[in-house]
Protein backbone atom coordinates (compact mmCIF):
# COMPACT_ATOMS: atom_id res chain seq x y z
CA UNK A 1 9.50 -27.53 -131.38
CA UNK A 2 7.28 -27.67 -134.42
CA UNK A 3 5.23 -24.85 -134.67
CA UNK A 4 3.63 -25.89 -137.73
CA UNK A 5 -0.17 -26.72 -136.93
CA UNK A 6 -2.43 -28.04 -139.73
CA UNK A 7 -6.50 -27.04 -138.95
CA UNK A 8 -9.49 -27.21 -140.62
CA UNK A 9 -12.02 -24.33 -140.77
CA UNK A 10 -14.31 -24.54 -138.61
CA UNK A 11 -18.14 -24.00 -140.31
CA UNK A 12 -20.95 -22.41 -138.08
CA UNK A 13 -23.39 -23.61 -140.57
CA UNK A 14 -22.61 -26.91 -140.00
CA UNK A 15 -25.68 -28.70 -138.61
CA UNK A 16 -24.87 -32.46 -139.62
CA UNK A 17 -23.94 -33.64 -136.01
CA UNK A 18 -21.11 -35.11 -137.42
CA UNK A 19 -18.51 -35.55 -134.64
CA UNK A 20 -15.14 -33.98 -135.48
CA UNK A 21 -11.98 -33.81 -133.25
CA UNK A 22 -11.98 -30.24 -131.81
CA UNK A 23 -9.09 -28.84 -129.78
CA UNK A 24 -9.49 -26.24 -127.10
CA UNK A 25 -6.38 -24.71 -125.91
CA UNK A 26 -6.49 -24.13 -122.41
CA UNK A 27 -4.51 -21.62 -120.19
CA UNK A 28 -2.47 -23.00 -116.97
CA UNK A 29 -3.10 -26.62 -117.89
CA UNK A 30 0.28 -27.09 -116.08
CA UNK A 31 -0.99 -26.24 -113.26
CA UNK A 32 -2.83 -29.44 -111.42
CA UNK A 33 -6.01 -27.13 -110.20
CA UNK A 34 -6.62 -26.15 -113.35
CA UNK A 35 -6.20 -29.55 -115.00
CA UNK A 36 -8.23 -30.96 -112.05
CA UNK A 37 -11.21 -28.51 -112.43
CA UNK A 38 -11.42 -28.83 -116.41
CA UNK A 39 -11.83 -32.56 -115.86
CA UNK A 40 -14.32 -32.27 -113.20
CA UNK A 41 -16.35 -29.84 -115.23
CA UNK A 42 -16.19 -32.09 -118.52
CA UNK A 43 -16.97 -35.34 -116.77
CA UNK A 44 -19.74 -34.09 -114.51
CA UNK A 45 -21.35 -32.56 -117.69
CA UNK A 46 -24.39 -34.41 -119.36
CA UNK A 47 -23.15 -32.75 -123.06
CA UNK A 48 -20.54 -35.16 -123.72
CA UNK A 49 -19.76 -38.40 -123.39
CA UNK A 50 -16.47 -39.55 -121.50
CA UNK A 51 -15.36 -41.58 -124.29
CA UNK A 52 -15.24 -38.33 -126.66
CA UNK A 53 -12.66 -36.47 -124.41
CA UNK A 54 -8.90 -36.89 -124.87
CA UNK A 55 -6.48 -34.75 -122.35
CA UNK A 56 -3.47 -33.35 -123.62
CA UNK A 57 -0.71 -31.24 -122.13
CA UNK A 58 -1.88 -27.82 -123.16
CA UNK A 59 -5.72 -28.47 -123.54
CA UNK A 60 -8.33 -30.88 -124.54
CA UNK A 61 -9.61 -32.71 -127.49
CA UNK A 62 -13.21 -33.71 -127.93
CA UNK A 63 -14.77 -35.83 -130.32
CA UNK A 64 -17.98 -33.66 -131.02
CA UNK A 65 -20.16 -31.32 -133.78
CA UNK A 66 -19.31 -28.18 -134.42
CA UNK A 67 -22.70 -26.92 -132.94
CA UNK A 68 -21.70 -27.82 -129.27
CA UNK A 69 -18.54 -25.27 -129.58
CA UNK A 70 -20.72 -22.21 -127.90
CA UNK A 71 -21.86 -24.45 -125.20
CA UNK A 72 -18.40 -25.70 -124.36
CA UNK A 73 -17.02 -22.57 -124.34
CA UNK A 74 -19.72 -21.36 -121.73
CA UNK A 75 -19.27 -24.41 -119.68
CA UNK A 76 -15.85 -23.65 -119.42
CA UNK A 77 -15.99 -20.00 -118.91
CA UNK A 78 -18.69 -20.44 -116.17
CA UNK A 79 -16.08 -22.90 -114.23
CA UNK A 80 -13.38 -19.84 -114.72
CA UNK A 81 -11.19 -21.93 -117.17
CA UNK A 82 -9.17 -19.75 -119.62
CA UNK A 83 -9.56 -20.74 -123.28
CA UNK A 84 -7.16 -19.65 -125.92
CA UNK A 85 -8.42 -21.06 -129.12
CA UNK A 86 -10.34 -23.68 -130.66
CA UNK A 87 -9.43 -25.39 -133.90
CA UNK A 88 -10.88 -28.76 -135.50
CA UNK A 89 -8.01 -30.53 -135.83
CA UNK A 90 -6.87 -31.60 -139.73
CA UNK A 91 -7.25 -35.19 -140.48
CA UNK A 92 -6.08 -36.05 -143.94
CA UNK A 93 -8.42 -38.57 -145.76
CA UNK A 94 -6.58 -41.32 -146.88
């Protein structure tokens, strides 16, 4: 398995509202109850558009602006969902 991960540095001072692909690494994503709770919490939130959420085998990718990160972390934490890391996915400009 490839352990190399290319990520962008998140700028907490980025107030542009430009959406970027943020990834939240979630603990126990392989446990159906955790995955179901994650889907329920994110889909019922008025913070996100359902089209901006992509569920992965080990977490969730959300197309969002950087200023939303603390709100999403709080939302997931209140739902007792373990977050191990948050990063912006690197996408090379072609």
